[in-house]
PDB file of N, CA and C in Angstrom:
ATOM      1  N   MET A   1       0.906  -0.944  -0.047  1.00  0.00           N
ATOM      2  CA  MET A   1       0.257   0.001  -0.058  1.00  0.00           C
ATOM      3  C   MET A   1       1.059   1.320  -0.175  1.00  0.00           C
ATOM      4  N   GLN A   2       0.721   2.136  -0.902  1.00  0.00           N
ATOM      5  CA  GLN A   2       1.751   3.363  -0.988  1.00  0.00           C
ATOM      6  C   GLN A   2       1.101   4.529   0.120  1.00  0.00           C
ATOM      7  N   GLN A   3       2.429   4.875   0.765  1.00  0.00           N
ATOM      8  CA  GLN A   3       2.328   5.684   1.818  1.00  0.00           C
ATOM      9  C   GLN A   3       1.336   6.927   1.343  1.00  0.00           C
ATOM     10  N   GLY A   4       0.205   6.881   2.599  1.00  0.00           N
ATOM     11  CA  GLY A   4      -0.771   8.135   2.361  1.00  0.00           C
ATOM     12  C   GLY A   4      -2.031   7.679   1.615  1.00  0.00           C
ATOM     13  N   PHE A   5      -2.083   6.645   1.372  1.00  0.00           N
ATOM     14  CA  PHE A   5      -3.720   6.000   0.677  1.00  0.00           C
ATOM     15  C   PHE A   5      -4.173   5.267   1.701  1.00  0.00           C
ATOM     16  N   GLU A   6      -5.131   5.800   2.241  1.00  0.00           N
ATOM     17  CA  GLU A   6      -5.724   4.690   3.020  1.00  0.00           C
ATOM     18  C   GLU A   6      -6.761   5.451   3.557  1.00  0.00           C
ATOM     19  N   ILE A   7      -8.203   4.231   2.960  1.00  0.00           N
ATOM     20  CA  ILE A   7      -9.340   4.727   3.644  1.00  0.00           C
ATOM     21  C   ILE A   7      -9.530   4.137   5.028  1.00  0.00           C
ATOM     22  N   ARG A   8     -10.478   4.881   5.544  1.00  0.00           N
ATOM     23  CA  ARG A   8     -10.586   4.170   6.907  1.00  0.00           C
ATOM     24  C   ARG A   8     -10.787   3.018   7.378  1.00  0.00           C
ATOM     25  N   PHE A   9     -11.476   2.470   6.547  1.00  0.00           N
ATOM     26  CA  PHE A   9     -11.871   0.746   6.958  1.00  0.00           C
ATOM     27  C   PHE A   9     -10.343   0.157   6.747  1.00  0.00           C
ATOM     28  N   MET A  10      -9.447   0.434   5.780  1.00  0.00           N
ATOM     29  CA  MET A  10      -8.204  -0.332   5.813  1.00  0.00           C
ATOM     30  C   MET A  10      -7.283  -0.131   7.078  1.00  0.00           C
ATOM     31  N   ALA A  11      -7.762   0.506   8.050  1.00  0.00           N
ATOM     32  CA  ALA A  11      -6.926   0.798   9.036  1.00  0.00           C
ATOM     33  C   ALA A  11      -7.751  -0.428  10.337  1.00  0.00           C
ATOM     34  N   MET A  12      -8.826  -1.048   9.883  1.00  0.00           N
ATOM     35  CA  MET A  12      -9.304  -1.775  10.551  1.00  0.00           C
ATOM     36  C   MET A  12      -8.510  -3.421  11.150  1.00  0.00           C
ATOM     37  N   ASP A  13      -8.459  -3.628  12.036  1.00  0.00           N
ATOM     38  CA  ASP A  13      -7.701  -4.951  12.415  1.00  0.00           C
ATOM     39  C   ASP A  13      -8.407  -6.332  11.509  1.00  0.00           C
ATOM     40  N   VAL A  14      -9.552  -6.507  11.203  1.00  0.00           N
ATOM     41  CA  VAL A  14     -10.048  -7.327  10.113  1.00  0.00           C
ATOM     42  C   VAL A  14      -9.527  -7.185   8.710  1.00  0.00           C
ATOM     43  N   TYR A  15      -9.325  -6.076   8.519  1.00  0.00           N
ATOM     44  CA  TYR A  15      -8.852  -5.672   7.291  1.00  0.00           C
ATOM     45  C   TYR A  15      -7.567  -6.080   7.004  1.00  0.00           C
ATOM     46  N   ARG A  16      -6.629  -5.561   7.935  1.00  0.00           N
ATOM     47  CA  ARG A  16      -5.335  -5.705   7.870  1.00  0.00           C
ATOM     48  C   ARG A  16      -4.675  -7.451   8.067  1.00  0.00           C
ATOM     49  N   ALA A  17      -5.891  -7.984   8.941  1.00  0.00           N
ATOM     50  CA  ALA A  17      -5.241  -9.262   8.876  1.00  0.00           C
ATOM     51  C   ALA A  17      -5.864 -10.239   7.752  1.00  0.00           C
ATOM     52  N   ALA A  18      -6.873  -9.644   6.943  1.00  0.00           N
ATOM     53  CA  ALA A  18      -7.381 -10.533   5.676  1.00  0.00           C
ATOM     54  C   ALA A  18      -6.502  -9.826   4.654  1.00  0.00           C
ATOM     55  N   ARG A  19      -5.730  -8.899   4.764  1.00  0.00           N
ATOM     56  CA  ARG A  19      -4.817  -8.742   3.576  1.00  0.00           C
ATOM     57  C   ARG A  19      -3.414  -9.577   3.713  1.00  0.00           C
ATOM     58  N   GLU A  20      -3.045  -9.529   5.143  1.00  0.00           N
ATOM     59  CA  GLU A  20      -2.235 -10.071   5.415  1.00  0.00           C
ATOM     60  C   GLU A  20      -2.272 -11.544   5.065  1.00  0.00           C
ATOM     61  N   LEU A  21      -3.661 -12.272   5.143  1.00  0.00           N
ATOM     62  CA  LEU A  21      -3.963 -13.539   4.822  1.00  0.00           C
ATOM     63  C   LEU A  21      -3.631 -13.909   3.214  1.00  0.00           C
ATOM     64  N   VAL A  22      -3.977 -12.910   2.283  1.00  0.00           N
ATOM     65  CA  VAL A  22      -3.768 -12.726   1.083  1.00  0.00           C
ATOM     66  C   VAL A  22      -2.485 -12.825   0.594  1.00  0.00           C
ATOM     67  N   ARG A  23      -1.618 -12.030   1.476  1.00  0.00           N
ATOM     68  CA  ARG A  23      -0.018 -11.893   1.006  1.00  0.00           C
ATOM     69  C   ARG A  23       0.740 -13.235   1.377  1.00  0.00           C
ATOM     70  N   ARG A  24       0.094 -13.588   2.303  1.00  0.00           N
ATOM     71  CA  ARG A  24       0.650 -14.967   2.845  1.00  0.00           C
ATOM     72  C   ARG A  24       0.465 -16.282   1.932  1.00  0.00           C
ATOM     73  N   VAL A  25      -0.681 -16.364   1.804  1.00  0.00           N
ATOM     74  CA  VAL A  25      -1.309 -17.325   0.970  1.00  0.00           C
ATOM     75  C   VAL A  25      -0.311 -17.480  -0.479  1.00  0.00           C
ATOM     76  N   HIS A  26      -0.410 -16.263  -1.090  1.00  0.00           N
ATOM     77  CA  HIS A  26       0.351 -15.629  -2.257  1.00  0.00           C
ATOM     78  C   HIS A  26       1.754 -16.373  -2.105  1.00  0.00           C
ATOM     79  N   ALA A  27       2.534 -15.822  -1.015  1.00  0.00           N
ATOM     80  CA  ALA A  27       3.843 -16.133  -0.844  1.00  0.00           C
ATOM     81  C   ALA A  27       4.227 -17.568  -0.879  1.00  0.00           C
ATOM     82  N   ALA A  28       3.104 -18.594  -0.121  1.00  0.00           N
ATOM     83  CA  ALA A  28       3.440 -19.971  -0.012  1.00  0.00           C
ATOM     84  C   ALA A  28       3.633 -20.750  -1.147  1.00  0.00           C
ATOM     85  N   LYS A  29       3.333 -20.105  -2.398  1.00  0.00           N
ATOM     86  CA  LYS A  29       3.535 -20.844  -3.715  1.00  0.00           C
ATOM     87  C   LYS A  29       3.115 -22.242  -3.529  1.00  0.00           C
ATOM     88  N   ILE A  30       1.719 -22.215  -3.276  1.00  0.00           N
ATOM     89  CA  ILE A  30       1.598 -23.936  -3.114  1.00  0.00           C
ATOM     90  C   ILE A  30       1.457 -24.544  -4.604  1.00  0.00           C
ATOM     91  N   ARG A  31       2.155 -25.833  -4.458  1.00  0.00           N
ATOM     92  CA  ARG A  31       2.696 -26.619  -5.588  1.00  0.00           C
ATOM     93  C   ARG A  31       1.909 -27.799  -5.947  1.00  0.00           C
ATOM     94  N   HIS A  32       0.550 -26.857  -5.823  1.00  0.00           N
ATOM     95  CA  HIS A  32      -0.804 -27.824  -6.639  1.00  0.00           C
ATOM     96  C   HIS A  32      -1.309 -26.831  -7.214  1.00  0.00           C
ATOM     97  N   ALA A  33      -1.390 -26.689  -8.925  1.00  0.00           N
ATOM     98  CA  ALA A  33      -2.051 -25.404  -9.461  1.00  0.00           C
ATOM     99  C   ALA A  33      -3.259 -25.245  -9.057  1.00  0.00           C
ATOM    100  N   GLU A  34      -4.196 -26.055  -8.951  1.00  0.00           N
ATOM    101  CA  GLU A  34      -5.618 -25.680  -8.829  1.00  0.00           C
ATOM    102  C   GLU A  34      -5.688 -25.351  -7.103  1.00  0.00           C
ATOM    103  N   LEU A  35      -5.109 -26.027  -6.314  1.00  0.00           N
ATOM    104  CA  LEU A  35      -5.251 -25.690  -4.889  1.00  0.00           C
ATOM    105  C   LEU A  35      -4.990 -24.329  -4.614  1.00  0.00           C
ATOM    106  N   ARG A  36      -3.597 -23.934  -5.467  1.00  0.00           N
ATOM    107  CA  ARG A  36      -2.824 -22.577  -5.413  1.00  0.00           C
ATOM    108  C   ARG A  36      -3.879 -21.252  -5.643  1.00  0.00           C
ATOM    109  N   ASP A  37      -4.384 -21.887  -6.707  1.00  0.00           N
ATOM    110  CA  ASP A  37      -5.560 -20.828  -7.336  1.00  0.00           C
ATOM    111  C   ASP A  37      -6.701 -20.833  -6.366  1.00  0.00           C
ATOM    112  N   GLN A  38      -7.180 -21.760  -5.874  1.00  0.00           N
ATOM    113  CA  GLN A  38      -8.472 -21.945  -5.460  1.00  0.00           C
ATOM    114  C   GLN A  38      -8.012 -20.960  -3.925  1.00  0.00           C
ATOM    115  N   ALA A  39      -6.960 -20.809  -3.379  1.00  0.00           N
ATOM    116  CA  ALA A  39      -6.673 -20.417  -1.992  1.00  0.00           C
ATOM    117  C   ALA A  39      -6.493 -19.050  -2.333  1.00  0.00           C
ATOM    118  N   GLU A  40      -5.680 -18.770  -3.494  1.00  0.00           N
ATOM    119  CA  GLU A  40      -5.272 -17.412  -3.751  1.00  0.00           C
ATOM    120  C   GLU A  40      -6.792 -16.715  -4.010  1.00  0.00           C
ATOM    121  N   ARG A  41      -7.760 -17.185  -4.838  1.00  0.00           N
ATOM    122  CA  ARG A  41      -9.048 -16.448  -5.117  1.00  0.00           C
ATOM    123  C   ARG A  41      -9.882 -16.317  -4.113  1.00  0.00           C
ATOM    124  N   ALA A  42      -9.937 -17.313  -3.003  1.00  0.00           N
ATOM    125  CA  ALA A  42     -10.692 -17.533  -1.762  1.00  0.00           C
ATOM    126  C   ALA A  42     -10.109 -16.056  -0.828  1.00  0.00           C
ATOM    127  N   SER A  43      -8.579 -16.053  -0.873  1.00  0.00           N
ATOM    128  CA  SER A  43      -8.298 -15.048   0.052  1.00  0.00           C
ATOM    129  C   SER A  43      -8.419 -13.690  -0.503  1.00  0.00           C
ATOM    130  N   VAL A  44      -8.394 -13.541  -1.534  1.00  0.00           N
ATOM    131  CA  VAL A  44      -8.472 -12.333  -2.360  1.00  0.00           C
ATOM    132  C   VAL A  44     -10.151 -11.756  -1.934  1.00  0.00           C
ATOM    133  N   SER A  45     -11.063 -13.043  -2.643  1.00  0.00           N
ATOM    134  CA  SER A  45     -12.398 -12.721  -2.276  1.00  0.00           C
ATOM    135  C   SER A  45     -12.689 -12.228  -0.664  1.00  0.00           C
ATOM    136  N   THR A  46     -12.229 -12.930   0.167  1.00  0.00           N
ATOM    137  CA  THR A  46     -12.329 -12.595   1.736  1.00  0.00           C
ATOM    138  C   THR A  46     -12.209 -11.015   1.548  1.00  0.00           C
ATOM    139  N   LEU A  47     -10.962 -10.726   1.420  1.00  0.00           N
ATOM    140  CA  LEU A  47     -10.329  -9.159   1.622  1.00  0.00           C
ATOM    141  C   LEU A  47     -11.662  -8.443   0.891  1.00  0.00           C
ATOM    142  N   LEU A  48     -11.658  -8.534  -0.350  1.00  0.00           N
ATOM    143  CA  LEU A  48     -12.416  -7.660  -1.378  1.00  0.00           C
ATOM    144  C   LEU A  48     -14.076  -7.499  -0.910  1.00  0.00           C
ATOM    145  N   ALA A  49     -14.558  -8.673  -0.164  1.00  0.00           N
ATOM    146  CA  ALA A  49     -15.910  -8.655   0.460  1.00  0.00           C
ATOM    147  C   ALA A  49     -15.665  -7.812   1.876  1.00  0.00           C
ATOM    148  N   LEU A  50     -14.751  -8.154   2.274  1.00  0.00           N
ATOM    149  CA  LEU A  50     -14.660  -6.925   3.814  1.00  0.00           C
ATOM    150  C   LEU A  50     -14.285  -5.266   3.424  1.00  0.00           C
ATOM    151  N   ALA A  51     -13.832  -4.942   2.555  1.00  0.00           N
ATOM    152  CA  ALA A  51     -13.844  -3.831   1.315  1.00  0.00           C
ATOM    153  C   ALA A  51     -15.323  -3.763   1.124  1.00  0.00           C
ATOM    154  N   GLU A  52     -15.924  -4.001   0.622  1.00  0.00           N
ATOM    155  CA  GLU A  52     -17.003  -3.909   0.172  1.00  0.00           C
ATOM    156  C   GLU A  52     -18.162  -3.647   1.087  1.00  0.00           C
ATOM    157  N   GLY A  53     -18.020  -4.375   2.514  1.00  0.00           N
ATOM    158  CA  GLY A  53     -18.865  -4.521   3.345  1.00  0.00           C
ATOM    159  C   GLY A  53     -18.467  -3.344   4.574  1.00  0.00           C
ATOM    160  N   LEU A  54     -17.360  -3.479   4.901  1.00  0.00           N
ATOM    161  CA  LEU A  54     -16.949  -2.150   6.109  1.00  0.00           C
ATOM    162  C   LEU A  54     -17.618  -0.985   5.745  1.00  0.00           C
ATOM    163  N   PRO A  55     -17.539  -0.309   4.487  1.00  0.00           N
ATOM    164  CA  PRO A  55     -18.111   1.046   4.717  1.00  0.00           C
ATOM    165  C   PRO A  55     -19.533   1.140   4.348  1.00  0.00           C
ATOM    166  N   HIS A  56     -20.306   0.177   4.169  1.00  0.00           N
ATOM    167  CA  HIS A  56     -21.781   0.094   3.949  1.00  0.00           C
ATOM    168  C   HIS A  56     -22.364   0.460   5.250  1.00  0.00           C
ATOM    169  N   ASP A  57     -23.476   1.646   5.033  1.00  0.00           N
ATOM    170  CA  ASP A  57     -24.015   1.737   5.871  1.00  0.00           C
ATOM    171  C   ASP A  57     -25.330   1.075   6.608  1.00  0.00           C
ATOM    172  N   SER A  58     -25.629   0.219   5.473  1.00  0.00           N
ATOM    173  CA  SER A  58     -26.741  -0.599   5.304  1.00  0.00           C
ATOM    174  C   SER A  58     -26.481  -1.962   6.409  1.00  0.00           C
ATOM    175  N   ALA A  59     -27.391  -2.194   7.100  1.00  0.00           N
ATOM    176  CA  ALA A  59     -26.591  -3.311   8.000  1.00  0.00           C
ATOM    177  C   ALA A  59     -27.061  -4.626   7.213  1.00  0.00           C
ATOM    178  N   ALA A  60     -27.820  -4.774   6.148  1.00  0.00           N
ATOM    179  CA  ALA A  60     -28.151  -6.142   5.578  1.00  0.00           C
ATOM    180  C   ALA A  60     -27.501  -6.387   4.614  1.00  0.00           C
ATOM    181  N   MET A  61     -26.691  -4.889   4.079  1.00  0.00           N
ATOM    182  CA  MET A  61     -25.609  -4.940   3.030  1.00  0.00           C
ATOM    183  C   MET A  61     -24.541  -5.757   3.905  1.00  0.00           C
ATOM    184  N   ARG A  62     -23.778  -5.010   4.783  1.00  0.00           N
ATOM    185  CA  ARG A  62     -22.809  -5.354   5.288  1.00  0.00           C
ATOM    186  C   ARG A  62     -23.040  -6.956   6.058  1.00  0.00           C
ATOM    187  N   ARG A  63     -24.330  -7.528   6.362  1.00  0.00           N
ATOM    188  CA  ARG A  63     -24.371  -8.650   6.718  1.00  0.00           C
ATOM    189  C   ARG A  63     -24.552  -9.530   5.443  1.00  0.00           C
ATOM    190  N   THR A  64     -24.422  -9.338   4.379  1.00  0.00           N
ATOM    191  CA  THR A  64     -24.355  -9.877   2.955  1.00  0.00           C
ATOM    192  C   THR A  64     -22.927 -10.067   2.606  1.00  0.00           C
ATOM    193  N   PHE A  65     -22.038  -8.845   2.857  1.00  0.00           N
ATOM    194  CA  PHE A  65     -20.447  -9.141   2.516  1.00  0.00           C
ATOM    195  C   PHE A  65     -20.127  -9.790   3.654  1.00  0.00           C
ATOM    196  N   PHE A  66     -20.656  -9.720   4.876  1.00  0.00           N
ATOM    197  CA  PHE A  66     -19.025 -10.224   5.762  1.00  0.00           C
ATOM    198  C   PHE A  66     -19.566 -11.665   5.990  1.00  0.00           C
ATOM    199  N   SER A  67     -20.714 -11.882   5.585  1.00  0.00           N
ATOM    200  CA  SER A  67     -21.227 -13.597   4.983  1.00  0.00           C
ATOM    201  C   SER A  67     -20.515 -14.519   4.070  1.00  0.00           C
ATOM    202  N   ARG A  68     -20.242 -13.738   2.731  1.00  0.00           N
ATOM    203  CA  ARG A  68     -19.527 -13.924   1.810  1.00  0.00           C
ATOM    204  C   ARG A  68     -17.996 -14.023   2.282  1.00  0.00           C
ATOM    205  N   ALA A  69     -17.492 -13.044   3.037  1.00  0.00           N
ATOM    206  CA  ALA A  69     -16.385 -13.192   3.445  1.00  0.00           C
ATOM    207  C   ALA A  69     -15.913 -14.275   4.527  1.00  0.00           C
ATOM    208  N   LYS A  70     -16.742 -14.499   5.181  1.00  0.00           N
ATOM    209  CA  LYS A  70     -16.619 -15.738   6.333  1.00  0.00           C
ATOM    210  C   LYS A  70     -16.500 -16.952   5.687  1.00  0.00           C
ATOM    211  N   ALA A  71     -17.480 -17.382   4.707  1.00  0.00           N
ATOM    212  CA  ALA A  71     -17.465 -18.012   3.534  1.00  0.00           C
ATOM    213  C   ALA A  71     -16.168 -18.359   2.661  1.00  0.00           C
ATOM    214  N   SER A  72     -15.882 -17.330   2.207  1.00  0.00           N
ATOM    215  CA  SER A  72     -14.505 -17.632   1.615  1.00  0.00           C
ATOM    216  C   SER A  72     -12.836 -17.709   2.267  1.00  0.00           C
ATOM    217  N   VAL A  73     -13.212 -17.323   3.435  1.00  0.00           N
ATOM    218  CA  VAL A  73     -12.109 -17.743   4.664  1.00  0.00           C
ATOM    219  C   VAL A  73     -12.274 -19.180   4.878  1.00  0.00           C
ATOM    220  N   GLY A  74     -13.151 -19.608   4.933  1.00  0.00           N
ATOM    221  CA  GLY A  74     -13.474 -21.003   5.518  1.00  0.00           C
ATOM    222  C   GLY A  74     -12.595 -22.077   3.957  1.00  0.00           C
ATOM    223  N   GLU A  75     -13.126 -21.397   2.767  1.00  0.00           N
ATOM    224  CA  GLU A  75     -12.683 -22.140   2.191  1.00  0.00           C
ATOM    225  C   GLU A  75     -10.895 -21.905   1.555  1.00  0.00           C
ATOM    226  N   VAL A  76     -10.605 -20.623   1.950  1.00  0.00           N
ATOM    227  CA  VAL A  76      -8.913 -20.418   2.026  1.00  0.00           C
ATOM    228  C   VAL A  76      -8.079 -21.719   2.837  1.00  0.00           C
ATOM    229  N   ALA A  77      -8.878 -21.469   4.346  1.00  0.00           N
ATOM    230  CA  ALA A  77      -8.332 -23.024   5.224  1.00  0.00           C
ATOM    231  C   ALA A  77      -8.585 -24.129   4.857  1.00  0.00           C
ATOM    232  N   GLY A  78      -9.683 -24.682   3.922  1.00  0.00           N
ATOM    233  CA  GLY A  78     -10.139 -25.666   3.236  1.00  0.00           C
ATOM    234  C   GLY A  78      -8.810 -26.386   2.144  1.00  0.00           C
ATOM    235  N   SER A  79      -8.687 -24.768   1.343  1.00  0.00           N
ATOM    236  CA  SER A  79      -8.054 -25.403   0.283  1.00  0.00           C
ATOM    237  C   SER A  79      -6.346 -25.562   0.809  1.00  0.00           C
ATOM    238  N   VAL A  80      -5.936 -24.761   2.021  1.00  0.00           N
ATOM    239  CA  VAL A  80      -4.311 -24.902   2.328  1.00  0.00           C
ATOM    240  C   VAL A  80      -4.525 -26.224   3.363  1.00  0.00           C
ATOM    241  N   ASP A  81      -5.323 -26.573   3.866  1.00  0.00           N
ATOM    242  CA  ASP A  81      -5.186 -27.905   4.501  1.00  0.00           C
ATOM    243  C   ASP A  81      -5.187 -29.096   3.504  1.00  0.00           C
ATOM    244  N   THR A  82      -5.798 -29.100   2.660  1.00  0.00           N
ATOM    245  CA  THR A  82      -6.337 -29.994   1.410  1.00  0.00           C
ATOM    246  C   THR A  82      -4.460 -29.867   1.037  1.00  0.00           C
ATOM    247  N   ALA A  83      -4.033 -28.777   0.471  1.00  0.00           N
ATOM    248  CA  ALA A  83      -2.430 -28.484   0.360  1.00  0.00           C
ATOM    249  C   ALA A  83      -1.713 -29.533   0.912  1.00  0.00           C
ATOM    250  N   ALA A  84      -1.606 -29.301   2.326  1.00  0.00           N
ATOM    251  CA  ALA A  84      -0.743 -29.855   3.234  1.00  0.00           C
ATOM    252  C   ALA A  84      -0.859 -31.225   3.258  1.00  0.00           C
ATOM    253  N   ALA A  85      -2.174 -31.745   3.029  1.00  0.00           N
ATOM    254  CA  ALA A  85      -2.632 -33.326   3.091  1.00  0.00           C
ATOM    255  C   ALA A  85      -1.596 -33.864   1.780  1.00  0.00           C
ATOM    256  N   LEU A  86      -1.673 -33.153   0.559  1.00  0.00           N
ATOM    257  CA  LEU A  86      -1.337 -33.429  -0.377  1.00  0.00           C
ATOM    258  C   LEU A  86       0.738 -33.015  -0.115  1.00  0.00           C
ATOM    259  N   GLU A  87       0.772 -32.735   0.420  1.00  0.00           N
ATOM    260  CA  GLU A  87       2.465 -32.142   1.008  1.00  0.00           C
ATOM    261  C   GLU A  87       2.916 -31.425  -0.179  1.00  0.00           C
ATOM    262  N   ALA A  88       1.658 -30.563  -0.781  1.00  0.00           N
ATOM    263  CA  ALA A  88       2.051 -29.302  -1.775  1.00  0.00           C
ATOM    264  C   ALA A  88       2.251 -27.917  -0.986  1.00  0.00           C
ATOM    265  N   ILE A  89       2.438 -28.146   0.177  1.00  0.00           N
ATOM    266  CA  ILE A  89       2.964 -26.820   1.066  1.00  0.00           C
ATOM    267  C   ILE A  89       3.577 -27.340   2.449  1.00  0.00           C
ATOM    268  N   ALA A  90       4.596 -26.629   2.826  1.00  0.00           N
ATOM    269  CA  ALA A  90       5.077 -27.543   3.704  1.00  0.00           C
ATOM    270  C   ALA A  90       3.932 -27.079   5.106  1.00  0.00           C
ATOM    271  N   LEU A  91       4.116 -28.044   6.270  1.00  0.00           N
ATOM    272  CA  LEU A  91       3.228 -27.998   7.364  1.00  0.00           C
ATOM    273  C   LEU A  91       2.801 -26.785   8.070  1.00  0.00           C
ATOM    274  N   ALA A  92       4.418 -26.288   8.506  1.00  0.00           N
ATOM    275  CA  ALA A  92       4.623 -25.093   9.445  1.00  0.00           C
ATOM    276  C   ALA A  92       3.729 -24.074   8.593  1.00  0.00           C
ATOM    277  N   GLU A  93       4.095 -24.109   7.154  1.00  0.00           N
ATOM    278  CA  GLU A  93       3.266 -22.568   6.489  1.00  0.00           C
ATOM    279  C   GLU A  93       2.097 -22.837   6.767  1.00  0.00           C
ATOM    280  N   ALA A  94       1.311 -23.841   6.314  1.00  0.00           N
ATOM    281  CA  ALA A  94       0.255 -24.345   6.103  1.00  0.00           C
ATOM    282  C   ALA A  94      -0.518 -24.131   7.415  1.00  0.00           C
ATOM    283  N   SER A  95      -0.293 -24.382   8.578  1.00  0.00           N
ATOM    284  CA  SER A  95      -0.464 -24.203  10.007  1.00  0.00           C
ATOM    285  C   SER A  95      -0.592 -22.886  10.238  1.00  0.00           C
ATOM    286  N   ALA A  96       0.347 -21.755   9.726  1.00  0.00           N
ATOM    287  CA  ALA A  96       0.296 -20.375   9.781  1.00  0.00           C
ATOM    288  C   ALA A  96      -0.460 -19.843   9.401  1.00  0.00           C
ATOM    289  N   ILE A  97      -0.820 -20.250   8.200  1.00  0.00           N
ATOM    290  CA  ILE A  97      -1.987 -19.655   7.285  1.00  0.00           C
ATOM    291  C   ILE A  97      -3.371 -20.172   7.607  1.00  0.00           C
ATOM    292  N   ILE A  98      -3.422 -21.542   7.962  1.00  0.00           N
ATOM    293  CA  ILE A  98      -5.056 -21.404   8.855  1.00  0.00           C
ATOM    294  C   ILE A  98      -5.326 -20.843  10.239  1.00  0.00           C
ATOM    295  N   ALA A  99      -4.151 -20.729  10.888  1.00  0.00           N
ATOM    296  CA  ALA A  99      -4.184 -20.225  11.945  1.00  0.00           C
ATOM    297  C   ALA A  99      -4.674 -18.539  11.834  1.00  0.00           C
ATOM    298  N   LEU A 100      -4.004 -17.826  10.730  1.00  0.00           N
ATOM    299  CA  LEU A 100      -4.596 -16.684  10.539  1.00  0.00           C
ATOM    300  C   LEU A 100      -5.813 -16.653   9.867  1.00  0.00           C
ATOM    301  N   ALA A 101      -6.114 -17.475   9.272  1.00  0.00           N
ATOM    302  CA  ALA A 101      -7.343 -17.874   8.615  1.00  0.00           C
ATOM    303  C   ALA A 101      -8.444 -17.599   9.831  1.00  0.00           C
ATOM    304  N   GLY A 102      -8.441 -18.431  10.682  1.00  0.00           N
ATOM    305  CA  GLY A 102      -9.173 -18.401  11.872  1.00  0.00           C
ATOM    306  C   GLY A 102      -9.127 -17.339  12.567  1.00  0.00           C
ATOM    307  N   ARG A 103      -8.290 -16.713  12.619  1.00  0.00           N
ATOM    308  CA  ARG A 103      -8.189 -15.346  13.182  1.00  0.00           C
ATOM    309  C   ARG A 103      -9.379 -14.269  12.578  1.00  0.00           C
ATOM    310  N   VAL A 104      -9.154 -14.261  11.515  1.00  0.00           N
ATOM    311  CA  VAL A 104      -9.890 -13.259  10.473  1.00  0.00           C
ATOM    312  C   VAL A 104     -11.378 -14.052  10.329  1.00  0.00           C
ATOM    313  N   ARG A 105     -11.295 -15.197  10.587  1.00  0.00           N
ATOM    314  CA  ARG A 105     -12.937 -15.501  10.829  1.00  0.00           C
ATOM    315  C   ARG A 105     -13.503 -15.329  12.010  1.00  0.00           C
ATOM    316  N   ALA A 106     -12.825 -15.517  13.051  1.00  0.00           N
ATOM    317  CA  ALA A 106     -13.357 -15.077  14.297  1.00  0.00           C
ATOM    318  C   ALA A 106     -13.835 -13.829  14.121  1.00  0.00           C
ATOM    319  N   MET A 107     -12.975 -12.867  13.579  1.00  0.00           N
ATOM    320  CA  MET A 107     -13.322 -11.345  13.789  1.00  0.00           C
ATOM    321  C   MET A 107     -14.904 -11.099  12.667  1.00  0.00           C
ATOM    322  N   ILE A 108     -14.684 -11.758  11.533  1.00  0.00           N
ATOM    323  CA  ILE A 108     -15.960 -11.716  10.851  1.00  0.00           C
ATOM    324  C   ILE A 108     -17.275 -12.156  11.610  1.00  0.00           C
ATOM    325  N   VAL A 109     -16.960 -12.903  12.362  1.00  0.00           N
ATOM    326  CA  VAL A 109     -18.119 -13.567  13.162  1.00  0.00           C
ATOM    327  C   VAL A 109     -18.588 -12.619  13.999  1.00  0.00           C
ATOM    328  N   GLY A 110     -17.505 -11.572  14.299  1.00  0.00           N
ATOM    329  CA  GLY A 110     -17.873 -10.556  15.528  1.00  0.00           C
ATOM    330  C   GLY A 110     -18.572  -9.706  14.880  1.00  0.00           C
ATOM    331  N   LEU A 111     -18.276  -9.377  13.532  1.00  0.00           N
ATOM    332  CA  LEU A 111     -18.679  -8.308  12.618  1.00  0.00           C
ATOM    333  C   LEU A 111     -20.267  -8.626  12.484  1.00  0.00           C
ATOM    334  N   LEU A 112     -20.430  -9.691  12.208  1.00  0.00           N
ATOM    335  CA  LEU A 112     -22.169 -10.422  12.044  1.00  0.00           C
ATOM    336  C   LEU A 112     -22.824 -10.594  13.294  1.00  0.00           C
ATOM    337  N   ARG A 113     -22.339 -10.493  14.366  1.00  0.00           N
ATOM    338  CA  ARG A 113     -23.142 -10.407  15.561  1.00  0.00           C
ATOM    339  C   ARG A 113     -23.939  -9.205  15.562  1.00  0.00           C
ATOM    340  N   PRO A 114     -24.967  -8.913  15.547  1.00  0.00           N
ATOM    341  CA  PRO A 114     -26.122  -7.357  16.080  1.00  0.00           C
ATOM    342  C   PRO A 114     -25.598  -7.017  17.423  1.00  0.00           C
ATOM    343  N   VAL A 115     -25.291  -5.741  17.356  1.00  0.00           N
ATOM    344  CA  VAL A 115     -25.238  -5.134  19.034  1.00  0.00           C
ATOM    345  C   VAL A 115     -26.367  -5.250  19.412  1.00  0.00           C
ATOM    346  N   SER A 116     -26.382  -5.819  20.759  1.00  0.00           N
ATOM    347  CA  SER A 116     -27.492  -5.423  21.650  1.00  0.00           C
ATOM    348  C   SER A 116     -27.428  -4.265  22.250  1.00  0.00           C
ATOM    349  N   GLY A 117     -29.097  -3.667  22.301  1.00  0.00           N
ATOM    350  CA  GLY A 117     -29.241  -2.469  22.760  1.00  0.00           C
ATOM    351  C   GLY A 117     -28.854  -1.303  21.638  1.00  0.00           C
ATOM    352  N   ARG A 118     -28.468  -1.410  20.664  1.00  0.00           N
ATOM    353  CA  ARG A 118     -28.224  -0.273  19.712  1.00  0.00           C
ATOM    354  C   ARG A 118     -29.338   0.323  19.290  1.00  0.00           C
ATOM    355  N   GLY A 119     -29.251   1.734  19.537  1.00  0.00           N
ATOM    356  CA  GLY A 119     -30.491   2.654  19.397  1.00  0.00           C
ATOM    357  C   GLY A 119     -31.210   2.847  20.232  1.00  0.00           C
ATOM    358  N   ARG A 120     -31.267   2.316  21.193  1.00  0.00           N
ATOM    359  CA  ARG A 120     -31.912   2.243  22.421  1.00  0.00           C
ATOM    360  C   ARG A 120     -31.767   3.291  23.456  1.00  0.00           C
TER     361      ARG A 120
END
């Protein structure tokens, strides 16, 4: 990211963690073309769904985008786990990516929870 270029939601922990997930998946260079493509596309989808949902004012639209991000981050973890099972990625790297995916998922679940008492 260029210095000085940042939209408010880009500073959020969930966005930064999802961005790091994209970077880590790409850097892993999974040695199974289909799984590499799947993991990379799913990580990008996670980040872009957050980028669409975070600045939205509509609770329904935010929920739609966050649900999409949650599904995509699960796909990242599944793709990387499958790659590890096929020995197409080092186990330590797969574990680190899956742990980061779990962290991103937990933050997304938090975004999906309605805030009790809001507006009352």
